Amino acid sequence: MLGSPTKSGRQQMKAIEVTGRIDSQGNLVLDEPIQGTTYPHQVRVIVLVPEQAEAEEVDPDDTPVEEIKASLRRALQQAKAGQRLPLSEMWEGIDAE
């Protein structure tokens, strides 16, 4: 339990996993408050950050691979069934920026 001394005199600790960010001033900002825990004393914090390759932001315009595969399967089935669009109609309704 948190705060209970062991035989060596050290306090046992409880881990609470939360997510957050480190702001431009170096402050840890949690995504959500820690619920059900009040501990007015100093606590120890271990911050885990992803390796550089993992930290790169994902482009929100990137379509997930599984969605692309499903779309290609549907298109292949439609082509085999003879369901084709004339080239002149293919871009209708697509917002190409």
C-alpha atoms as a PDB file:
ATOM      1  CA  MET A   1       0.000   0.000   0.000  1.00  0.00           C
ATOM      2  CA  LEU A   2       1.048   3.539  -0.633  1.00  0.00           C
ATOM      3  CA  GLY A   3       2.707   4.968   2.437  1.00  0.00           C
ATOM      4  CA  SER A   4       3.144   1.683   4.310  1.00  0.00           C
ATOM      5  CA  PRO A   5       6.806   1.264   5.294  1.00  0.00           C
ATOM      6  CA  THR A   6       8.535  -2.027   4.476  1.00  0.00           C
ATOM      7  CA  LYS A   7      11.078  -3.770   6.711  1.00  0.00           C
ATOM      8  CA  SER A   8      13.825  -1.708   5.074  1.00  0.00           C
ATOM      9  CA  GLY A   9      12.021   1.504   6.016  1.00  0.00           C
ATOM     10  CA  ARG A  10      11.111   2.380   2.415  1.00  0.00           C
ATOM     11  CA  GLN A  11       7.540   3.064   1.450  1.00  0.00           C
ATOM     12  CA  GLN A  12       5.783   0.682  -0.888  1.00  0.00           C
ATOM     13  CA  MET A  13       4.435   2.409  -3.944  1.00  0.00           C
ATOM     14  CA  LYS A  14       1.392   1.920  -6.134  1.00  0.00           C
ATOM     15  CA  ALA A  15       1.572   2.560  -9.890  1.00  0.00           C
ATOM     16  CA  ILE A  16      -1.095   4.624 -11.596  1.00  0.00           C
ATOM     17  CA  GLU A  17      -0.905   4.767 -15.386  1.00  0.00           C
ATOM     18  CA  VAL A  18      -2.102   7.975 -17.026  1.00  0.00           C
ATOM     19  CA  THR A  19      -1.410   9.788 -20.278  1.00  0.00           C
ATOM     20  CA  GLY A  20      -0.513  13.397 -20.839  1.00  0.00           C
ATOM     21  CA  ARG A  21       1.844  15.840 -22.509  1.00  0.00           C
ATOM     22  CA  ILE A  22       4.788  17.937 -21.504  1.00  0.00           C
ATOM     23  CA  ASP A  23       4.031  21.571 -22.337  1.00  0.00           C
ATOM     24  CA  SER A  24       6.459  24.215 -23.602  1.00  0.00           C
ATOM     25  CA  GLN A  25       7.321  25.212 -19.996  1.00  0.00           C
ATOM     26  CA  GLY A  26       8.220  21.602 -19.128  1.00  0.00           C
ATOM     27  CA  ASN A  27       5.096  20.972 -17.047  1.00  0.00           C
ATOM     28  CA  LEU A  28       3.397  17.583 -17.126  1.00  0.00           C
ATOM     29  CA  VAL A  29      -0.235  18.058 -18.187  1.00  0.00           C
ATOM     30  CA  LEU A  30      -2.454  14.998 -17.705  1.00  0.00           C
ATOM     31  CA  ASP A  31      -5.161  14.196 -20.260  1.00  0.00           C
ATOM     32  CA  GLU A  32      -7.620  13.326 -17.477  1.00  0.00           C
ATOM     33  CA  PRO A  33      -7.555  13.858 -13.707  1.00  0.00           C
ATOM     34  CA  ILE A  34      -6.575  10.834 -11.622  1.00  0.00           C
ATOM     35  CA  GLN A  35      -9.884   9.649 -10.180  1.00  0.00           C
ATOM     36  CA  GLY A  36     -10.356   8.189  -6.721  1.00  0.00           C
ATOM     37  CA  THR A  37      -6.882   9.015  -5.453  1.00  0.00           C
ATOM     38  CA  THR A  38      -5.979  11.855  -3.141  1.00  0.00           C
ATOM     39  CA  TYR A  39      -2.421  11.983  -1.889  1.00  0.00           C
ATOM     40  CA  PRO A  40      -1.329  15.411  -0.645  1.00  0.00           C
ATOM     41  CA  HIS A  41       2.347  14.462  -0.291  1.00  0.00           C
ATOM     42  CA  GLN A  42       5.064  14.492  -2.904  1.00  0.00           C
ATOM     43  CA  VAL A  43       4.843  11.671  -5.459  1.00  0.00           C
ATOM     44  CA  ARG A  44       7.420  10.130  -7.806  1.00  0.00           C
ATOM     45  CA  VAL A  45       6.758  10.366 -11.542  1.00  0.00           C
ATOM     46  CA  ILE A  46       8.345   8.284 -14.294  1.00  0.00           C
ATOM     47  CA  VAL A  47       7.722   9.690 -17.773  1.00  0.00           C
ATOM     48  CA  LEU A  48       7.838   7.297 -20.718  1.00  0.00           C
ATOM     49  CA  VAL A  49       8.252   8.914 -24.113  1.00  0.00           C
ATOM     50  CA  PRO A  50       8.139   7.108 -27.457  1.00  0.00           C
ATOM     51  CA  GLU A  51      11.278   6.677 -29.526  1.00  0.00           C
ATOM     52  CA  GLN A  52      11.678   9.330 -32.226  1.00  0.00           C
ATOM     53  CA  ALA A  53      10.329   7.080 -35.017  1.00  0.00           C
ATOM     54  CA  GLU A  54       7.180   6.361 -32.972  1.00  0.00           C
ATOM     55  CA  ALA A  55       6.714  10.000 -32.003  1.00  0.00           C
ATOM     56  CA  GLU A  56       6.208  11.198 -35.563  1.00  0.00           C
ATOM     57  CA  GLU A  57       2.653  12.373 -35.967  1.00  0.00           C
ATOM     58  CA  VAL A  58       0.303  10.343 -38.089  1.00  0.00           C
ATOM     59  CA  ASP A  59      -1.111  12.294 -41.007  1.00  0.00           C
ATOM     60  CA  PRO A  60      -4.879  12.571 -40.368  1.00  0.00           C
ATOM     61  CA  ASP A  61      -5.408  12.384 -44.149  1.00  0.00           C
ATOM     62  CA  ASP A  62      -3.801   8.911 -44.320  1.00  0.00           C
ATOM     63  CA  THR A  63      -6.393   6.201 -44.850  1.00  0.00           C
ATOM     64  CA  PRO A  64      -5.843   3.104 -42.673  1.00  0.00           C
ATOM     65  CA  VAL A  65      -4.439   0.118 -44.598  1.00  0.00           C
ATOM     66  CA  GLU A  66      -7.378  -2.138 -43.706  1.00  0.00           C
ATOM     67  CA  GLU A  67      -9.828   0.419 -45.106  1.00  0.00           C
ATOM     68  CA  ILE A  68      -7.843   0.610 -48.360  1.00  0.00           C
ATOM     69  CA  LYS A  69      -7.748  -3.188 -48.664  1.00  0.00           C
ATOM     70  CA  ALA A  70     -11.502  -3.437 -48.095  1.00  0.00           C
ATOM     71  CA  SER A  71     -12.116  -0.768 -50.728  1.00  0.00           C
ATOM     72  CA  LEU A  72      -9.904  -2.581 -53.250  1.00  0.00           C
ATOM     73  CA  ARG A  73     -11.726  -5.863 -52.598  1.00  0.00           C
ATOM     74  CA  ARG A  74     -15.098  -4.178 -53.213  1.00  0.00           C
ATOM     75  CA  ALA A  75     -13.792  -2.547 -56.391  1.00  0.00           C
ATOM     76  CA  LEU A  76     -12.474  -5.882 -57.690  1.00  0.00           C
ATOM     77  CA  GLN A  77     -15.800  -7.600 -56.977  1.00  0.00           C
ATOM     78  CA  GLN A  78     -17.673  -4.785 -58.717  1.00  0.00           C
ATOM     79  CA  ALA A  79     -15.359  -4.952 -61.740  1.00  0.00           C
ATOM     80  CA  LYS A  80     -15.813  -8.742 -61.986  1.00  0.00           C
ATOM     81  CA  ALA A  81     -19.586  -8.255 -61.812  1.00  0.00           C
ATOM     82  CA  GLY A  82     -19.439  -5.725 -64.645  1.00  0.00           C
ATOM     83  CA  GLN A  83     -20.331  -2.803 -62.398  1.00  0.00           C
ATOM     84  CA  ARG A  84     -18.192  -0.090 -63.897  1.00  0.00           C
ATOM     85  CA  LEU A  85     -18.447   3.690 -64.033  1.00  0.00           C
ATOM     86  CA  PRO A  86     -17.702   5.625 -67.190  1.00  0.00           C
ATOM     87  CA  LEU A  87     -14.464   7.581 -66.814  1.00  0.00           C
ATOM     88  CA  SER A  88     -16.403  10.847 -67.155  1.00  0.00           C
ATOM     89  CA  GLU A  89     -18.364  10.024 -63.946  1.00  0.00           C
ATOM     90  CA  MET A  90     -15.473   8.760 -61.804  1.00  0.00           C
ATOM     91  CA  TRP A  91     -14.562  12.127 -60.242  1.00  0.00           C
ATOM     92  CA  GLU A  92     -18.115  13.321 -59.568  1.00  0.00           C
ATOM     93  CA  GLY A  93     -18.664  13.941 -55.865  1.00  0.00           C
ATOM     94  CA  ILE A  94     -14.951  13.749 -54.996  1.00  0.00           C
ATOM     95  CA  ASP A  95     -13.538  16.861 -53.384  1.00  0.00           C
ATOM     96  CA  ALA A  96     -10.003  16.956 -54.760  1.00  0.00           C
ATOM     97  CA  GLU A  97      -8.098  19.850 -53.261  1.00  0.00           C
END
